[in-house]
PDB file of N, CA and C in Angstrom:
ATOM      1  N   MET A   1    -126.848  56.622-138.880  1.00  0.00           N
ATOM      2  CA  MET A   1    -127.613  57.120-137.753  1.00  0.00           C
ATOM      3  C   MET A   1    -127.253  56.289-136.518  1.00  0.00           C
ATOM      4  N   THR A   2    -126.926  56.931-135.443  1.00  0.00           N
ATOM      5  CA  THR A   2    -126.538  56.231-134.225  1.00  0.00           C
ATOM      6  C   THR A   2    -127.626  56.384-133.177  1.00  0.00           C
ATOM      7  N   MET A   3    -127.660  55.413-132.311  1.00  0.00           N
ATOM      8  CA  MET A   3    -128.634  55.452-131.223  1.00  0.00           C
ATOM      9  C   MET A   3    -128.110  56.356-130.121  1.00  0.00           C
ATOM     10  N   GLY A   4    -128.997  57.055-129.505  1.00  0.00           N
ATOM     11  CA  GLY A   4    -128.606  57.896-128.393  1.00  0.00           C
ATOM     12  C   GLY A   4    -128.235  57.040-127.186  1.00  0.00           C
ATOM     13  N   ARG A   5    -127.709  57.674-126.171  1.00  0.00           N
ATOM     14  CA  ARG A   5    -127.275  56.948-124.978  1.00  0.00           C
ATOM     15  C   ARG A   5    -128.447  56.326-124.229  1.00  0.00           C
ATOM     16  N   THR A   6    -129.627  56.862-124.374  1.00  0.00           N
ATOM     17  CA  THR A   6    -130.777  56.339-123.634  1.00  0.00           C
ATOM     18  C   THR A   6    -131.628  55.391-124.462  1.00  0.00           C
ATOM     19  N   ALA A   7    -131.356  55.280-125.740  1.00  0.00           N
ATOM     20  CA  ALA A   7    -132.193  54.446-126.598  1.00  0.00           C
ATOM     21  C   ALA A   7    -132.044  52.963-126.262  1.00  0.00           C
ATOM     22  N   LEU A   8    -130.854  52.486-126.043  1.00  0.00           N
ATOM     23  CA  LEU A   8    -130.635  51.073-125.757  1.00  0.00           C
ATOM     24  C   LEU A   8    -131.254  50.650-124.419  1.00  0.00           C
ATOM     25  N   PRO A   9    -131.047  51.390-123.353  1.00  0.00           N
ATOM     26  CA  PRO A   9    -131.724  51.016-122.096  1.00  0.00           C
ATOM     27  C   PRO A   9    -133.247  51.059-122.207  1.00  0.00           C
ATOM     28  N   ARG A  10    -133.780  52.021-122.963  1.00  0.00           N
ATOM     29  CA  ARG A  10    -135.228  52.086-123.148  1.00  0.00           C
ATOM     30  C   ARG A  10    -135.736  50.884-123.929  1.00  0.00           C
ATOM     31  N   LEU A  11    -134.988  50.480-124.946  1.00  0.00           N
ATOM     32  CA  LEU A  11    -135.368  49.310-125.724  1.00  0.00           C
ATOM     33  C   LEU A  11    -135.350  48.052-124.857  1.00  0.00           C
ATOM     34  N   ALA A  12    -134.316  47.904-124.037  1.00  0.00           N
ATOM     35  CA  ALA A  12    -134.215  46.753-123.144  1.00  0.00           C
ATOM     36  C   ALA A  12    -135.378  46.750-122.147  1.00  0.00           C
ATOM     37  N   ALA A  13    -135.731  47.898-121.615  1.00  0.00           N
ATOM     38  CA  ALA A  13    -136.843  47.995-120.674  1.00  0.00           C
ATOM     39  C   ALA A  13    -138.162  47.646-121.351  1.00  0.00           C
ATOM     40  N   ALA A  14    -138.342  48.073-122.593  1.00  0.00           N
ATOM     41  CA  ALA A  14    -139.569  47.773-123.325  1.00  0.00           C
ATOM     42  C   ALA A  14    -139.685  46.271-123.589  1.00  0.00           C
ATOM     43  N   VAL A  15    -138.584  45.627-123.980  1.00  0.00           N
ATOM     44  CA  VAL A  15    -138.594  44.183-124.212  1.00  0.00           C
ATOM     45  C   VAL A  15    -138.911  43.450-122.915  1.00  0.00           C
ATOM     46  N   PHE A  16    -138.293  43.854-121.821  1.00  0.00           N
ATOM     47  CA  PHE A  16    -138.552  43.230-120.532  1.00  0.00           C
ATOM     48  C   PHE A  16    -140.017  43.383-120.142  1.00  0.00           C
ATOM     49  N   LEU A  17    -140.575  44.546-120.356  1.00  0.00           N
ATOM     50  CA  LEU A  17    -141.977  44.803-120.029  1.00  0.00           C
ATOM     51  C   LEU A  17    -142.899  43.939-120.879  1.00  0.00           C
ATOM     52  N   MET A  18    -142.587  43.798-122.155  1.00  0.00           N
ATOM     53  CA  MET A  18    -143.410  42.953-123.020  1.00  0.00           C
ATOM     54  C   MET A  18    -143.361  41.489-122.569  1.00  0.00           C
ATOM     55  N   ILE A  19    -142.200  41.007-122.193  1.00  0.00           N
ATOM     56  CA  ILE A  19    -142.077  39.632-121.708  1.00  0.00           C
ATOM     57  C   ILE A  19    -142.873  39.448-120.421  1.00  0.00           C
ATOM     58  N   ALA A  20    -142.788  40.423-119.524  1.00  0.00           N
ATOM     59  CA  ALA A  20    -143.538  40.346-118.266  1.00  0.00           C
ATOM     60  C   ALA A  20    -145.041  40.313-118.518  1.00  0.00           C
ATOM     61  N   ILE A  21    -145.509  41.080-119.480  1.00  0.00           N
ATOM     62  CA  ILE A  21    -146.939  41.100-119.806  1.00  0.00           C
ATOM     63  C   ILE A  21    -147.372  39.749-120.371  1.00  0.00           C
ATOM     64  N   VAL A  22    -146.569  39.182-121.260  1.00  0.00           N
ATOM     65  CA  VAL A  22    -146.905  37.882-121.841  1.00  0.00           C
ATOM     66  C   VAL A  22    -146.973  36.823-120.746  1.00  0.00           C
ATOM     67  N   VAL A  23    -146.011  36.812-119.844  1.00  0.00           N
ATOM     68  CA  VAL A  23    -146.013  35.829-118.748  1.00  0.00           C
ATOM     69  C   VAL A  23    -147.242  36.028-117.863  1.00  0.00           C
ATOM     70  N   ALA A  24    -147.595  37.258-117.573  1.00  0.00           N
ATOM     71  CA  ALA A  24    -148.768  37.534-116.734  1.00  0.00           C
ATOM     72  C   ALA A  24    -150.048  37.058-117.412  1.00  0.00           C
ATOM     73  N   VAL A  25    -150.174  37.292-118.705  1.00  0.00           N
ATOM     74  CA  VAL A  25    -151.367  36.857-119.433  1.00  0.00           C
ATOM     75  C   VAL A  25    -151.471  35.335-119.437  1.00  0.00           C
ATOM     76  N   ILE A  26    -150.352  34.665-119.630  1.00  0.00           N
ATOM     77  CA  ILE A  26    -150.353  33.195-119.613  1.00  0.00           C
ATOM     78  C   ILE A  26    -150.768  32.685-118.240  1.00  0.00           C
ATOM     79  N   GLU A  27    -150.219  33.269-117.187  1.00  0.00           N
ATOM     80  CA  GLU A  27    -150.564  32.836-115.827  1.00  0.00           C
ATOM     81  C   GLU A  27    -152.030  33.091-115.510  1.00  0.00           C
ATOM     82  N   LEU A  28    -152.561  34.204-115.953  1.00  0.00           N
ATOM     83  CA  LEU A  28    -153.973  34.501-115.696  1.00  0.00           C
ATOM     84  C   LEU A  28    -154.876  33.550-116.478  1.00  0.00           C
ATOM     85  N   GLY A  29    -154.435  33.097-117.625  1.00  0.00           N
ATOM     86  CA  GLY A  29    -155.237  32.201-118.443  1.00  0.00           C
ATOM     87  C   GLY A  29    -155.249  30.770-117.956  1.00  0.00           C
ATOM     88  N   ARG A  30    -154.408  30.433-117.001  1.00  0.00           N
ATOM     89  CA  ARG A  30    -154.336  29.053-116.518  1.00  0.00           C
ATOM     90  C   ARG A  30    -155.498  28.700-115.603  1.00  0.00           C
ATOM     91  N   ASP A  31    -156.223  29.637-115.087  1.00  0.00           N
ATOM     92  CA  ASP A  31    -157.368  29.410-114.203  1.00  0.00           C
ATOM     93  C   ASP A  31    -157.001  28.602-112.969  1.00  0.00           C
ATOM     94  N   GLY A  32    -155.814  28.745-112.472  1.00  0.00           N
ATOM     95  CA  GLY A  32    -155.397  28.062-111.260  1.00  0.00           C
ATOM     96  C   GLY A  32    -155.157  26.579-111.421  1.00  0.00           C
ATOM     97  N   LYS A  33    -155.175  26.075-112.639  1.00  0.00           N
ATOM     98  CA  LYS A  33    -154.949  24.658-112.863  1.00  0.00           C
ATOM     99  C   LYS A  33    -153.463  24.359-112.753  1.00  0.00           C
ATOM    100  N   GLU A  34    -153.157  23.322-112.017  1.00  0.00           N
ATOM    101  CA  GLU A  34    -151.761  22.916-111.877  1.00  0.00           C
ATOM    102  C   GLU A  34    -151.395  21.950-112.997  1.00  0.00           C
ATOM    103  N   VAL A  35    -150.179  22.053-113.459  1.00  0.00           N
ATOM    104  CA  VAL A  35    -149.691  21.133-114.470  1.00  0.00           C
ATOM    105  C   VAL A  35    -149.272  19.857-113.762  1.00  0.00           C
ATOM    106  N   ARG A  36    -149.800  18.746-114.208  1.00  0.00           N
ATOM    107  CA  ARG A  36    -149.449  17.462-113.604  1.00  0.00           C
ATOM    108  C   ARG A  36    -148.867  16.564-114.677  1.00  0.00           C
ATOM    109  N   PHE A  37    -147.828  15.871-114.295  1.00  0.00           N
ATOM    110  CA  PHE A  37    -147.202  14.940-115.217  1.00  0.00           C
ATOM    111  C   PHE A  37    -147.809  13.569-114.993  1.00  0.00           C
ATOM    112  N   SER A  38    -148.180  12.928-116.075  1.00  0.00           N
ATOM    113  CA  SER A  38    -148.774  11.605-115.959  1.00  0.00           C
ATOM    114  C   SER A  38    -147.682  10.547-115.887  1.00  0.00           C
ATOM    115  N   GLU A  39    -148.089   9.371-115.487  1.00  0.00           N
ATOM    116  CA  GLU A  39    -147.174   8.238-115.452  1.00  0.00           C
ATOM    117  C   GLU A  39    -146.822   7.858-116.875  1.00  0.00           C
ATOM    118  N   PRO A  40    -145.687   7.221-117.077  1.00  0.00           N
ATOM    119  CA  PRO A  40    -145.336   6.774-118.425  1.00  0.00           C
ATOM    120  C   PRO A  40    -146.400   5.838-118.992  1.00  0.00           C
ATOM    121  N   ILE A  41    -146.588   5.901-120.292  1.00  0.00           N
ATOM    122  CA  ILE A  41    -147.608   5.097-120.939  1.00  0.00           C
ATOM    123  C   ILE A  41    -147.255   3.615-120.899  1.00  0.00           C
ATOM    124  N   ALA A  42    -145.987   3.301-121.095  1.00  0.00           N
ATOM    125  CA  ALA A  42    -145.565   1.904-121.127  1.00  0.00           C
ATOM    126  C   ALA A  42    -145.776   1.259-119.757  1.00  0.00           C
ATOM    127  N   ALA A  43    -146.248   0.052-119.777  1.00  0.00           N
ATOM    128  CA  ALA A  43    -146.446  -0.694-118.531  1.00  0.00           C
ATOM    129  C   ALA A  43    -145.083  -1.049-117.950  1.00  0.00           C
ATOM    130  N   VAL A  44    -145.013  -0.972-116.641  1.00  0.00           N
ATOM    131  CA  VAL A  44    -143.754  -1.280-115.971  1.00  0.00           C
ATOM    132  C   VAL A  44    -143.752  -2.763-115.639  1.00  0.00           C
ATOM    133  N   SER A  45    -143.103  -3.550-116.513  1.00  0.00           N
ATOM    134  CA  SER A  45    -143.027  -4.983-116.264  1.00  0.00           C
ATOM    135  C   SER A  45    -141.662  -5.350-115.695  1.00  0.00           C
ATOM    136  N   ASP A  46    -140.713  -4.460-115.826  1.00  0.00           N
ATOM    137  CA  ASP A  46    -139.365  -4.689-115.333  1.00  0.00           C
ATOM    138  C   ASP A  46    -139.292  -4.236-113.874  1.00  0.00           C
ATOM    139  N   PRO A  47    -138.936  -5.130-112.952  1.00  0.00           N
ATOM    140  CA  PRO A  47    -138.850  -4.740-111.539  1.00  0.00           C
ATOM    141  C   PRO A  47    -137.840  -3.611-111.304  1.00  0.00           C
ATOM    142  N   LEU A  48    -136.757  -3.604-112.076  1.00  0.00           N
ATOM    143  CA  LEU A  48    -135.759  -2.547-111.930  1.00  0.00           C
ATOM    144  C   LEU A  48    -136.371  -1.191-112.283  1.00  0.00           C
ATOM    145  N   SER A  49    -137.140  -1.144-113.362  1.00  0.00           N
ATOM    146  CA  SER A  49    -137.788   0.102-113.758  1.00  0.00           C
ATOM    147  C   SER A  49    -138.782   0.571-112.707  1.00  0.00           C
ATOM    148  N   ALA A  50    -139.529  -0.379-112.154  1.00  0.00           N
ATOM    149  CA  ALA A  50    -140.500  -0.021-111.123  1.00  0.00           C
ATOM    150  C   ALA A  50    -139.788   0.555-109.899  1.00  0.00           C
ATOM    151  N   GLU A  51    -138.673  -0.039-109.522  1.00  0.00           N
ATOM    152  CA  GLU A  51    -137.927   0.442-108.353  1.00  0.00           C
ATOM    153  C   GLU A  51    -137.287   1.807-108.647  1.00  0.00           C
ATOM    154  N   LEU A  52    -136.810   2.003-109.882  1.00  0.00           N
ATOM    155  CA  LEU A  52    -136.256   3.308-110.256  1.00  0.00           C
ATOM    156  C   LEU A  52    -137.323   4.394-110.167  1.00  0.00           C
ATOM    157  N   GLN A  53    -138.547   4.068-110.590  1.00  0.00           N
ATOM    158  CA  GLN A  53    -139.640   5.040-110.482  1.00  0.00           C
ATOM    159  C   GLN A  53    -139.971   5.330-109.022  1.00  0.00           C
ATOM    160  N   ARG A  54    -139.927   4.302-108.179  1.00  0.00           N
ATOM    161  CA  ARG A  54    -140.192   4.518-106.749  1.00  0.00           C
ATOM    162  C   ARG A  54    -139.147   5.447-106.153  1.00  0.00           C
ATOM    163  N   CYS A  55    -137.888   5.216-106.519  1.00  0.00           N
ATOM    164  CA  CYS A  55    -136.808   6.057-105.997  1.00  0.00           C
ATOM    165  C   CYS A  55    -136.930   7.489-106.499  1.00  0.00           C
ATOM    166  N   GLN A  56    -137.371   7.641-107.750  1.00  0.00           N
ATOM    167  CA  GLN A  56    -137.566   8.979-108.297  1.00  0.00           C
ATOM    168  C   GLN A  56    -138.652   9.713-107.513  1.00  0.00           C
ATOM    169  N   ALA A  57    -139.700   8.994-107.142  1.00  0.00           N
ATOM    170  CA  ALA A  57    -140.796   9.601-106.391  1.00  0.00           C
ATOM    171  C   ALA A  57    -140.361  10.001-104.982  1.00  0.00           C
ATOM    172  N   LEU A  58    -139.346   9.314-104.429  1.00  0.00           N
ATOM    173  CA  LEU A  58    -138.873   9.641-103.082  1.00  0.00           C
ATOM    174  C   LEU A  58    -138.153  10.987-103.034  1.00  0.00           C
ATOM    175  N   GLY A  59    -137.607  11.416-104.157  1.00  0.00           N
ATOM    176  CA  GLY A  59    -136.873  12.683-104.181  1.00  0.00           C
ATOM    177  C   GLY A  59    -135.567  12.570-103.424  1.00  0.00           C
ATOM    178  N   ASP A  60    -135.251  13.569-102.603  1.00  0.00           N
ATOM    179  CA  ASP A  60    -133.981  13.595-101.863  1.00  0.00           C
ATOM    180  C   ASP A  60    -133.866  12.456-100.848  1.00  0.00           C
ATOM    181  N   ALA A  61    -134.984  11.950-100.380  1.00  0.00           N
ATOM    182  CA  ALA A  61    -134.951  10.851 -99.406  1.00  0.00           C
ATOM    183  C   ALA A  61    -134.331   9.596-100.017  1.00  0.00           C
ATOM    184  N   ALA A  62    -134.344   9.482-101.335  1.00  0.00           N
ATOM    185  CA  ALA A  62    -133.772   8.315-101.997  1.00  0.00           C
ATOM    186  C   ALA A  62    -132.261   8.242-101.810  1.00  0.00           C
ATOM    187  N   LEU A  63    -131.630   9.375-101.521  1.00  0.00           N
ATOM    188  CA  LEU A  63    -130.183   9.386-101.306  1.00  0.00           C
ATOM    189  C   LEU A  63    -129.788   8.611-100.055  1.00  0.00           C
ATOM    190  N   GLU A  64    -130.731   8.432 -99.145  1.00  0.00           N
ATOM    191  CA  GLU A  64    -130.477   7.709 -97.900  1.00  0.00           C
ATOM    192  C   GLU A  64    -131.025   6.280 -97.947  1.00  0.00           C
ATOM    193  N   ASP A  65    -131.733   5.935 -99.012  1.00  0.00           N
ATOM    194  CA  ASP A  65    -132.389   4.635 -99.128  1.00  0.00           C
ATOM    195  C   ASP A  65    -131.426   3.616 -99.733  1.00  0.00           C
ATOM    196  N   LYS A  66    -131.111   2.561 -98.977  1.00  0.00           N
ATOM    197  CA  LYS A  66    -130.158   1.538 -99.425  1.00  0.00           C
ATOM    198  C   LYS A  66    -130.646   0.852-100.695  1.00  0.00           C
ATOM    199  N   SER A  67    -131.929   0.577-100.765  1.00  0.00           N
ATOM    200  CA  SER A  67    -132.490  -0.076-101.941  1.00  0.00           C
ATOM    201  C   SER A  67    -132.298   0.779-103.195  1.00  0.00           C
ATOM    202  N   CYS A  68    -132.508   2.086-103.064  1.00  0.00           N
ATOM    203  CA  CYS A  68    -132.330   2.989-104.203  1.00  0.00           C
ATOM    204  C   CYS A  68    -130.863   3.030-104.638  1.00  0.00           C
ATOM    205  N   LEU A  69    -129.964   3.056-103.681  1.00  0.00           N
ATOM    206  CA  LEU A  69    -128.538   3.067-104.024  1.00  0.00           C
ATOM    207  C   LEU A  69    -128.163   1.795-104.786  1.00  0.00           C
ATOM    208  N   ASP A  70    -128.710   0.649-104.352  1.00  0.00           N
ATOM    209  CA  ASP A  70    -128.438  -0.613-105.040  1.00  0.00           C
ATOM    210  C   ASP A  70    -129.028  -0.623-106.449  1.00  0.00           C
ATOM    211  N   VAL A  71    -130.248  -0.118-106.584  1.00  0.00           N
ATOM    212  CA  VAL A  71    -130.903  -0.095-107.892  1.00  0.00           C
ATOM    213  C   VAL A  71    -130.157   0.821-108.849  1.00  0.00           C
ATOM    214  N   TRP A  72    -129.707   1.975-108.365  1.00  0.00           N
ATOM    215  CA  TRP A  72    -128.949   2.892-109.227  1.00  0.00           C
ATOM    216  C   TRP A  72    -127.643   2.246-109.681  1.00  0.00           C
ATOM    217  N   ALA A  73    -126.989   1.520-108.779  1.00  0.00           N
ATOM    218  CA  ALA A  73    -125.745   0.839-109.145  1.00  0.00           C
ATOM    219  C   ALA A  73    -126.012  -0.210-110.221  1.00  0.00           C
ATOM    220  N   GLU A  74    -127.085  -0.978-110.055  1.00  0.00           N
ATOM    221  CA  GLU A  74    -127.434  -1.989-111.054  1.00  0.00           C
ATOM    222  C   GLU A  74    -127.793  -1.343-112.387  1.00  0.00           C
ATOM    223  N   ASN A  75    -128.505  -0.234-112.352  1.00  0.00           N
ATOM    224  CA  ASN A  75    -128.880   0.466-113.575  1.00  0.00           C
ATOM    225  C   ASN A  75    -127.635   0.986-114.297  1.00  0.00           C
ATOM    226  N   ARG A  76    -126.696   1.532-113.532  1.00  0.00           N
ATOM    227  CA  ARG A  76    -125.436   1.999-114.151  1.00  0.00           C
ATOM    228  C   ARG A  76    -124.697   0.825-114.774  1.00  0.00           C
ATOM    229  N   ARG A  77    -124.655  -0.304-114.048  1.00  0.00           N
ATOM    230  CA  ARG A  77    -123.957  -1.473-114.575  1.00  0.00           C
ATOM    231  C   ARG A  77    -124.594  -1.931-115.887  1.00  0.00           C
ATOM    232  N   ARG A  78    -125.919  -2.006-115.929  1.00  0.00           N
ATOM    233  CA  ARG A  78    -126.614  -2.445-117.130  1.00  0.00           C
ATOM    234  C   ARG A  78    -126.419  -1.471-118.276  1.00  0.00           C
ATOM    235  N   PHE A  79    -126.414  -0.195-117.964  1.00  0.00           N
ATOM    236  CA  PHE A  79    -126.319   0.819-119.015  1.00  0.00           C
ATOM    237  C   PHE A  79    -124.897   0.982-119.529  1.00  0.00           C
ATOM    238  N   LEU A  80    -123.932   0.910-118.642  1.00  0.00           N
ATOM    239  CA  LEU A  80    -122.552   1.231-119.019  1.00  0.00           C
ATOM    240  C   LEU A  80    -121.702   0.034-119.408  1.00  0.00           C
ATOM    241  N   THR A  81    -122.166  -1.191-119.152  1.00  0.00           N
ATOM    242  CA  THR A  81    -121.383  -2.369-119.515  1.00  0.00           C
ATOM    243  C   THR A  81    -121.489  -2.591-121.018  1.00  0.00           C
ATOM    244  N   PRO A  82    -120.356  -2.589-121.716  1.00  0.00           N
ATOM    245  CA  PRO A  82    -120.406  -2.791-123.175  1.00  0.00           C
ATOM    246  C   PRO A  82    -120.964  -4.166-123.518  1.00  0.00           C
ATOM    247  N   GLY A  83    -121.876  -4.190-124.471  1.00  0.00           N
ATOM    248  CA  GLY A  83    -122.417  -5.446-124.953  1.00  0.00           C
ATOM    249  C   GLY A  83    -123.517  -6.044-124.107  1.00  0.00           C
ATOM    250  N   SER A  84    -123.856  -5.435-122.982  1.00  0.00           N
ATOM    251  CA  SER A  84    -124.922  -6.004-122.156  1.00  0.00           C
ATOM    252  C   SER A  84    -126.265  -5.440-122.634  1.00  0.00           C
ATOM    253  N   PRO A  85    -127.269  -6.295-122.722  1.00  0.00           N
ATOM    254  CA  PRO A  85    -128.582  -5.809-123.150  1.00  0.00           C
ATOM    255  C   PRO A  85    -129.188  -4.907-122.067  1.00  0.00           C
ATOM    256  N   LEU A  86    -129.959  -3.945-122.498  1.00  0.00           N
ATOM    257  CA  LEU A  86    -130.551  -2.999-121.553  1.00  0.00           C
ATOM    258  C   LEU A  86    -131.596  -3.633-120.661  1.00  0.00           C
ATOM    259  N   ASP A  87    -132.219  -4.698-121.105  1.00  0.00           N
ATOM    260  CA  ASP A  87    -133.273  -5.286-120.283  1.00  0.00           C
ATOM    261  C   ASP A  87    -132.739  -6.328-119.296  1.00  0.00           C
ATOM    262  N   GLY A  88    -131.442  -6.587-119.280  1.00  0.00           N
ATOM    263  CA  GLY A  88    -130.869  -7.488-118.307  1.00  0.00           C
ATOM    264  C   GLY A  88    -130.931  -8.951-118.700  1.00  0.00           C
ATOM    265  N   ARG A  89    -131.551  -9.263-119.843  1.00  0.00           N
ATOM    266  CA  ARG A  89    -131.621 -10.654-120.287  1.00  0.00           C
ATOM    267  C   ARG A  89    -130.379 -10.997-121.082  1.00  0.00           C
ATOM    268  N   GLU A  90    -129.903 -12.177-120.907  1.00  0.00           N
ATOM    269  CA  GLU A  90    -128.698 -12.624-121.619  1.00  0.00           C
ATOM    270  C   GLU A  90    -129.073 -13.292-122.920  1.00  0.00           C
TER     271      GLU A  90
END
């Protein structure tokens, strides 16, 4: 048994409609609450980590921030140098 020429487009439209309904129901059930990401649970005792978080919060402005550029370079050095500990301690 073969599908007619219109069966496949109708099936695709039905699937799309079902997905749209599910998304609409989920959005209506949110009650206007915004999803917020919390801060990491671990305490930031490492100054490098604290500065990386500050730069992350700056968004695109961090691309112009000299301090952020320096911190990213140091983070790359710590991460990519073979045999170097991640916390910077020797």
